Amino acid sequence: MNKPVVLRVVNTVLFFSFILQAITIAIIILKIRLPHMQLVFEVHEYNGLFMIIVAAIHITLNWGWIKASFFKKQ
């Protein structure tokens, strides 16, 4: 697979991981009681770790753009 295809997949996965984190933290902060609250905490924890890994891949794939945009020689 070429880089644009991989980046599109990584970006999509990162987006949905972010949405899942937002939903679980909203449930936790708003103290919404669900039958399996322990599962909500576990999903939030493991998805957070997964999100860190996917974000690192995202940064790695975009490193050229990051260098060009933020670390310009003056």
PDB file of N, CA and C in Angstrom:
ATOM      1  N   MET A   1       0.838  -1.179   0.000  1.00  0.00           N
ATOM      2  CA  MET A   1       0.000   0.000   0.000  1.00  0.00           C
ATOM      3  C   MET A   1       0.882   1.241   0.000  1.00  0.00           C
ATOM      4  N   ASN A   2       0.429   2.237  -0.696  1.00  0.00           N
ATOM      5  CA  ASN A   2       1.213   3.466  -0.744  1.00  0.00           C
ATOM      6  C   ASN A   2       0.863   4.376   0.437  1.00  0.00           C
ATOM      7  N   LYS A   3       1.691   5.369   0.664  1.00  0.00           N
ATOM      8  CA  LYS A   3       1.569   6.231   1.833  1.00  0.00           C
ATOM      9  C   LYS A   3       0.216   6.937   1.947  1.00  0.00           C
ATOM     10  N   PRO A   4      -0.340   7.503   0.868  1.00  0.00           N
ATOM     11  CA  PRO A   4      -1.649   8.169   1.007  1.00  0.00           C
ATOM     12  C   PRO A   4      -2.759   7.225   1.466  1.00  0.00           C
ATOM     13  N   VAL A   5      -2.729   5.996   1.006  1.00  0.00           N
ATOM     14  CA  VAL A   5      -3.749   5.023   1.410  1.00  0.00           C
ATOM     15  C   VAL A   5      -3.585   4.682   2.891  1.00  0.00           C
ATOM     16  N   VAL A   6      -2.353   4.438   3.312  1.00  0.00           N
ATOM     17  CA  VAL A   6      -2.083   4.130   4.719  1.00  0.00           C
ATOM     18  C   VAL A   6      -2.487   5.309   5.592  1.00  0.00           C
ATOM     19  N   LEU A   7      -2.148   6.497   5.171  1.00  0.00           N
ATOM     20  CA  LEU A   7      -2.476   7.695   5.936  1.00  0.00           C
ATOM     21  C   LEU A   7      -3.989   7.874   6.046  1.00  0.00           C
ATOM     22  N   ARG A   8      -4.711   7.581   4.983  1.00  0.00           N
ATOM     23  CA  ARG A   8      -6.181   7.688   5.026  1.00  0.00           C
ATOM     24  C   ARG A   8      -6.759   6.696   6.036  1.00  0.00           C
ATOM     25  N   VAL A   9      -6.231   5.483   6.059  1.00  0.00           N
ATOM     26  CA  VAL A   9      -6.699   4.478   7.019  1.00  0.00           C
ATOM     27  C   VAL A   9      -6.350   4.898   8.447  1.00  0.00           C
ATOM     28  N   VAL A  10      -5.113   5.339   8.657  1.00  0.00           N
ATOM     29  CA  VAL A  10      -4.673   5.756   9.986  1.00  0.00           C
ATOM     30  C   VAL A  10      -5.501   6.943  10.476  1.00  0.00           C
ATOM     31  N   ASN A  11      -5.751   7.910   9.619  1.00  0.00           N
ATOM     32  CA  ASN A  11      -6.550   9.075   9.998  1.00  0.00           C
ATOM     33  C   ASN A  11      -7.981   8.674  10.373  1.00  0.00           C
ATOM     34  N   THR A  12      -8.558   7.755   9.631  1.00  0.00           N
ATOM     35  CA  THR A  12      -9.915   7.292   9.918  1.00  0.00           C
ATOM     36  C   THR A  12      -9.968   6.561  11.254  1.00  0.00           C
ATOM     37  N   VAL A  13      -9.007   5.673  11.481  1.00  0.00           N
ATOM     38  CA  VAL A  13      -8.949   4.938  12.746  1.00  0.00           C
ATOM     39  C   VAL A  13      -8.742   5.905  13.911  1.00  0.00           C
ATOM     40  N   LEU A  14      -7.860   6.882  13.735  1.00  0.00           N
ATOM     41  CA  LEU A  14      -7.601   7.870  14.780  1.00  0.00           C
ATOM     42  C   LEU A  14      -8.855   8.690  15.073  1.00  0.00           C
ATOM     43  N   PHE A  15      -9.601   9.058  14.059  1.00  0.00           N
ATOM     44  CA  PHE A  15     -10.834   9.817  14.242  1.00  0.00           C
ATOM     45  C   PHE A  15     -11.845   9.031  15.074  1.00  0.00           C
ATOM     46  N   PHE A  16     -12.081   7.769  14.712  1.00  0.00           N
ATOM     47  CA  PHE A  16     -13.064   6.975  15.439  1.00  0.00           C
ATOM     48  C   PHE A  16     -12.585   6.639  16.850  1.00  0.00           C
ATOM     49  N   SER A  17     -11.289   6.492  17.031  1.00  0.00           N
ATOM     50  CA  SER A  17     -10.741   6.284  18.362  1.00  0.00           C
ATOM     51  C   SER A  17     -10.970   7.513  19.229  1.00  0.00           C
ATOM     52  N   PHE A  18     -10.786   8.691  18.650  1.00  0.00           N
ATOM     53  CA  PHE A  18     -11.041   9.941  19.366  1.00  0.00           C
ATOM     54  C   PHE A  18     -12.512  10.051  19.759  1.00  0.00           C
ATOM     55  N   ILE A  19     -13.411   9.713  18.850  1.00  0.00           N
ATOM     56  CA  ILE A  19     -14.850   9.759  19.135  1.00  0.00           C
ATOM     57  C   ILE A  19     -15.193   8.811  20.284  1.00  0.00           C
ATOM     58  N   LEU A  20     -14.624   7.609  20.265  1.00  0.00           N
ATOM     59  CA  LEU A  20     -14.863   6.642  21.336  1.00  0.00           C
ATOM     60  C   LEU A  20     -14.354   7.169  22.673  1.00  0.00           C
ATOM     61  N   GLN A  21     -13.191   7.815  22.673  1.00  0.00           N
ATOM     62  CA  GLN A  21     -12.659   8.409  23.901  1.00  0.00           C
ATOM     63  C   GLN A  21     -13.600   9.496  24.406  1.00  0.00           C
ATOM     64  N   ALA A  22     -14.096  10.318  23.500  1.00  0.00           N
ATOM     65  CA  ALA A  22     -14.997  11.401  23.888  1.00  0.00           C
ATOM     66  C   ALA A  22     -16.295  10.851  24.487  1.00  0.00           C
ATOM     67  N   ILE A  23     -16.830   9.797  23.906  1.00  0.00           N
ATOM     68  CA  ILE A  23     -18.063   9.201  24.420  1.00  0.00           C
ATOM     69  C   ILE A  23     -17.839   8.605  25.800  1.00  0.00           C
ATOM     70  N   THR A  24     -16.755   7.846  25.962  1.00  0.00           N
ATOM     71  CA  THR A  24     -16.519   7.216  27.259  1.00  0.00           C
ATOM     72  C   THR A  24     -16.228   8.241  28.345  1.00  0.00           C
ATOM     73  N   ILE A  25     -15.490   9.294  28.031  1.00  0.00           N
ATOM     74  CA  ILE A  25     -15.214  10.302  29.055  1.00  0.00           C
ATOM     75  C   ILE A  25     -16.477  11.078  29.390  1.00  0.00           C
ATOM     76  N   ALA A  26     -17.358  11.288  28.427  1.00  0.00           N
ATOM     77  CA  ALA A  26     -18.629  11.951  28.708  1.00  0.00           C
ATOM     78  C   ALA A  26     -19.471  11.099  29.661  1.00  0.00           C
ATOM     79  N   ILE A  27     -19.499   9.802  29.427  1.00  0.00           N
ATOM     80  CA  ILE A  27     -20.225   8.893  30.321  1.00  0.00           C
ATOM     81  C   ILE A  27     -19.640   8.953  31.728  1.00  0.00           C
ATOM     82  N   ILE A  28     -18.322   8.969  31.825  1.00  0.00           N
ATOM     83  CA  ILE A  28     -17.667   8.994  33.132  1.00  0.00           C
ATOM     84  C   ILE A  28     -17.896  10.328  33.839  1.00  0.00           C
ATOM     85  N   ILE A  29     -17.681  11.429  33.150  1.00  0.00           N
ATOM     86  CA  ILE A  29     -17.803  12.757  33.772  1.00  0.00           C
ATOM     87  C   ILE A  29     -19.248  13.070  34.149  1.00  0.00           C
ATOM     88  N   LEU A  30     -20.180  12.735  33.268  1.00  0.00           N
ATOM     89  CA  LEU A  30     -21.593  13.017  33.537  1.00  0.00           C
ATOM     90  C   LEU A  30     -22.226  12.000  34.482  1.00  0.00           C
ATOM     91  N   LYS A  31     -21.437  11.008  34.903  1.00  0.00           N
ATOM     92  CA  LYS A  31     -21.887   9.973  35.841  1.00  0.00           C
ATOM     93  C   LYS A  31     -23.150   9.261  35.345  1.00  0.00           C
ATOM     94  N   ILE A  32     -23.141   8.950  34.071  1.00  0.00           N
ATOM     95  CA  ILE A  32     -24.240   8.188  33.481  1.00  0.00           C
ATOM     96  C   ILE A  32     -24.058   6.738  33.913  1.00  0.00           C
ATOM     97  N   ARG A  33     -25.047   6.204  34.553  1.00  0.00           N
ATOM     98  CA  ARG A  33     -24.958   4.836  35.064  1.00  0.00           C
ATOM     99  C   ARG A  33     -25.401   3.849  33.989  1.00  0.00           C
ATOM    100  N   LEU A  34     -24.512   2.948  33.662  1.00  0.00           N
ATOM    101  CA  LEU A  34     -24.797   1.886  32.709  1.00  0.00           C
ATOM    102  C   LEU A  34     -24.627   0.546  33.424  1.00  0.00           C
ATOM    103  N   PRO A  35     -25.260  -0.510  32.912  1.00  0.00           N
ATOM    104  CA  PRO A  35     -25.148  -1.810  33.582  1.00  0.00           C
ATOM    105  C   PRO A  35     -23.704  -2.317  33.704  1.00  0.00           C
ATOM    106  N   HIS A  36     -22.869  -1.968  32.772  1.00  0.00           N
ATOM    107  CA  HIS A  36     -21.493  -2.479  32.770  1.00  0.00           C
ATOM    108  C   HIS A  36     -20.507  -1.312  32.823  1.00  0.00           C
ATOM    109  N   MET A  37     -20.532  -0.558  33.912  1.00  0.00           N
ATOM    110  CA  MET A  37     -19.659   0.616  34.024  1.00  0.00           C
ATOM    111  C   MET A  37     -18.179   0.236  33.991  1.00  0.00           C
ATOM    112  N   GLN A  38     -17.837  -0.909  34.555  1.00  0.00           N
ATOM    113  CA  GLN A  38     -16.437  -1.331  34.536  1.00  0.00           C
ATOM    114  C   GLN A  38     -15.955  -1.486  33.094  1.00  0.00           C
ATOM    115  N   LEU A  39     -16.825  -1.942  32.210  1.00  0.00           N
ATOM    116  CA  LEU A  39     -16.476  -2.083  30.798  1.00  0.00           C
ATOM    117  C   LEU A  39     -16.194  -0.714  30.179  1.00  0.00           C
ATOM    118  N   VAL A  40     -16.954   0.304  30.562  1.00  0.00           N
ATOM    119  CA  VAL A  40     -16.726   1.659  30.043  1.00  0.00           C
ATOM    120  C   VAL A  40     -15.329   2.130  30.440  1.00  0.00           C
ATOM    121  N   PHE A  41     -14.950   1.907  31.696  1.00  0.00           N
ATOM    122  CA  PHE A  41     -13.617   2.298  32.159  1.00  0.00           C
ATOM    123  C   PHE A  41     -12.517   1.547  31.405  1.00  0.00           C
ATOM    124  N   GLU A  42     -12.732   0.259  31.190  1.00  0.00           N
ATOM    125  CA  GLU A  42     -11.736  -0.540  30.474  1.00  0.00           C
ATOM    126  C   GLU A  42     -11.621  -0.126  29.012  1.00  0.00           C
ATOM    127  N   VAL A  43     -12.751   0.130  28.365  1.00  0.00           N
ATOM    128  CA  VAL A  43     -12.730   0.593  26.971  1.00  0.00           C
ATOM    129  C   VAL A  43     -11.984   1.915  26.889  1.00  0.00           C
ATOM    130  N   HIS A  44     -12.257   2.819  27.836  1.00  0.00           N
ATOM    131  CA  HIS A  44     -11.593   4.121  27.844  1.00  0.00           C
ATOM    132  C   HIS A  44     -10.081   3.954  28.018  1.00  0.00           C
ATOM    133  N   GLU A  45      -9.689   3.083  28.928  1.00  0.00           N
ATOM    134  CA  GLU A  45      -8.263   2.877  29.195  1.00  0.00           C
ATOM    135  C   GLU A  45      -7.543   2.250  28.002  1.00  0.00           C
ATOM    136  N   TYR A  46      -8.079   1.143  27.490  1.00  0.00           N
ATOM    137  CA  TYR A  46      -7.399   0.455  26.396  1.00  0.00           C
ATOM    138  C   TYR A  46      -7.461   1.252  25.085  1.00  0.00           C
ATOM    139  N   ASN A  47      -8.565   1.928  24.850  1.00  0.00           N
ATOM    140  CA  ASN A  47      -8.644   2.753  23.650  1.00  0.00           C
ATOM    141  C   ASN A  47      -7.670   3.920  23.744  1.00  0.00           C
ATOM    142  N   GLY A  48      -7.458   4.446  24.948  1.00  0.00           N
ATOM    143  CA  GLY A  48      -6.471   5.512  25.128  1.00  0.00           C
ATOM    144  C   GLY A  48      -5.080   5.058  24.748  1.00  0.00           C
ATOM    145  N   LEU A  49      -4.716   3.855  25.169  1.00  0.00           N
ATOM    146  CA  LEU A  49      -3.403   3.307  24.801  1.00  0.00           C
ATOM    147  C   LEU A  49      -3.321   3.078  23.292  1.00  0.00           C
ATOM    148  N   PHE A  50      -4.391   2.530  22.722  1.00  0.00           N
ATOM    149  CA  PHE A  50      -4.444   2.309  21.279  1.00  0.00           C
ATOM    150  C   PHE A  50      -4.334   3.628  20.528  1.00  0.00           C
ATOM    151  N   MET A  51      -5.000   4.660  21.042  1.00  0.00           N
ATOM    152  CA  MET A  51      -4.989   5.974  20.396  1.00  0.00           C
ATOM    153  C   MET A  51      -3.579   6.573  20.394  1.00  0.00           C
ATOM    154  N   ILE A  52      -2.832   6.376  21.474  1.00  0.00           N
ATOM    155  CA  ILE A  52      -1.450   6.862  21.539  1.00  0.00           C
ATOM    156  C   ILE A  52      -0.612   6.209  20.443  1.00  0.00           C
ATOM    157  N   ILE A  53      -0.776   4.917  20.253  1.00  0.00           N
ATOM    158  CA  ILE A  53      -0.017   4.188  19.228  1.00  0.00           C
ATOM    159  C   ILE A  53      -0.386   4.693  17.831  1.00  0.00           C
ATOM    160  N   VAL A  54      -1.688   4.837  17.569  1.00  0.00           N
ATOM    161  CA  VAL A  54      -2.137   5.297  16.260  1.00  0.00           C
ATOM    162  C   VAL A  54      -1.695   6.744  16.019  1.00  0.00           C
ATOM    163  N   ALA A  55      -1.721   7.566  17.066  1.00  0.00           N
ATOM    164  CA  ALA A  55      -1.265   8.954  16.925  1.00  0.00           C
ATOM    165  C   ALA A  55       0.229   9.001  16.609  1.00  0.00           C
ATOM    166  N   ALA A  56       1.010   8.110  17.214  1.00  0.00           N
ATOM    167  CA  ALA A  56       2.443   8.056  16.911  1.00  0.00           C
ATOM    168  C   ALA A  56       2.668   7.664  15.449  1.00  0.00           C
ATOM    169  N   ILE A  57       1.888   6.727  14.957  1.00  0.00           N
ATOM    170  CA  ILE A  57       1.985   6.344  13.539  1.00  0.00           C
ATOM    171  C   ILE A  57       1.585   7.526  12.659  1.00  0.00           C
ATOM    172  N   HIS A  58       0.538   8.219  13.038  1.00  0.00           N
ATOM    173  CA  HIS A  58       0.072   9.397  12.298  1.00  0.00           C
ATOM    174  C   HIS A  58       1.173  10.460  12.233  1.00  0.00           C
ATOM    175  N   ILE A  59       1.814  10.739  13.351  1.00  0.00           N
ATOM    176  CA  ILE A  59       2.898  11.729  13.384  1.00  0.00           C
ATOM    177  C   ILE A  59       4.072  11.270  12.534  1.00  0.00           C
ATOM    178  N   THR A  60       4.402   9.996  12.606  1.00  0.00           N
ATOM    179  CA  THR A  60       5.501   9.451  11.805  1.00  0.00           C
ATOM    180  C   THR A  60       5.219   9.618  10.311  1.00  0.00           C
ATOM    181  N   LEU A  61       4.012   9.303   9.895  1.00  0.00           N
ATOM    182  CA  LEU A  61       3.660   9.421   8.481  1.00  0.00           C
ATOM    183  C   LEU A  61       3.635  10.875   8.010  1.00  0.00           C
ATOM    184  N   ASN A  62       3.375  11.800   8.913  1.00  0.00           N
ATOM    185  CA  ASN A  62       3.294  13.215   8.555  1.00  0.00           C
ATOM    186  C   ASN A  62       4.544  13.996   8.942  1.00  0.00           C
ATOM    187  N   TRP A  63       5.606  13.311   9.321  1.00  0.00           N
ATOM    188  CA  TRP A  63       6.789  13.992   9.836  1.00  0.00           C
ATOM    189  C   TRP A  63       7.398  14.960   8.819  1.00  0.00           C
ATOM    190  N   GLY A  64       7.397  14.617   7.565  1.00  0.00           N
ATOM    191  CA  GLY A  64       7.928  15.516   6.534  1.00  0.00           C
ATOM    192  C   GLY A  64       7.183  16.838   6.509  1.00  0.00           C
ATOM    193  N   TRP A  65       5.868  16.780   6.569  1.00  0.00           N
ATOM    194  CA  TRP A  65       5.057  17.994   6.586  1.00  0.00           C
ATOM    195  C   TRP A  65       5.290  18.782   7.872  1.00  0.00           C
ATOM    196  N   ILE A  66       5.398  18.086   8.993  1.00  0.00           N
ATOM    197  CA  ILE A  66       5.639  18.751  10.281  1.00  0.00           C
ATOM    198  C   ILE A  66       6.968  19.493  10.252  1.00  0.00           C
ATOM    199  N   LYS A  67       8.005  18.839   9.763  1.00  0.00           N
ATOM    200  CA  LYS A  67       9.320  19.496   9.671  1.00  0.00           C
ATOM    201  C   LYS A  67       9.256  20.705   8.767  1.00  0.00           C
ATOM    202  N   ALA A  68       8.617  20.555   7.621  1.00  0.00           N
ATOM    203  CA  ALA A  68       8.541  21.664   6.669  1.00  0.00           C
ATOM    204  C   ALA A  68       7.733  22.831   7.206  1.00  0.00           C
ATOM    205  N   SER A  69       6.734  22.551   8.003  1.00  0.00           N
ATOM    206  CA  SER A  69       5.847  23.610   8.499  1.00  0.00           C
ATOM    207  C   SER A  69       6.334  24.284   9.772  1.00  0.00           C
ATOM    208  N   PHE A  70       6.936  23.522  10.670  1.00  0.00           N
ATOM    209  CA  PHE A  70       7.243  24.056  11.989  1.00  0.00           C
ATOM    210  C   PHE A  70       8.723  24.220  12.283  1.00  0.00           C
ATOM    211  N   PHE A  71       9.569  23.530  11.557  1.00  0.00           N
ATOM    212  CA  PHE A  71      11.000  23.602  11.838  1.00  0.00           C
ATOM    213  C   PHE A  71      11.766  24.200  10.651  1.00  0.00           C
ATOM    214  N   LYS A  72      11.233  25.285  10.114  1.00  0.00           N
ATOM    215  CA  LYS A  72      11.872  25.949   8.976  1.00  0.00           C
ATOM    216  C   LYS A  72      13.158  26.618   9.403  1.00  0.00           C
ATOM    217  N   LYS A  73      14.158  26.532   8.544  1.00  0.00           N
ATOM    218  CA  LYS A  73      15.396  27.266   8.800  1.00  0.00           C
ATOM    219  C   LYS A  73      15.169  28.732   8.450  1.00  0.00           C
ATOM    220  N   GLN A  74      15.666  29.597   9.299  1.00  0.00           N
ATOM    221  CA  GLN A  74      15.437  31.029   9.056  1.00  0.00           C
ATOM    222  C   GLN A  74      16.641  31.674   8.420  1.00  0.00           C
TER     223      GLN A  74
END
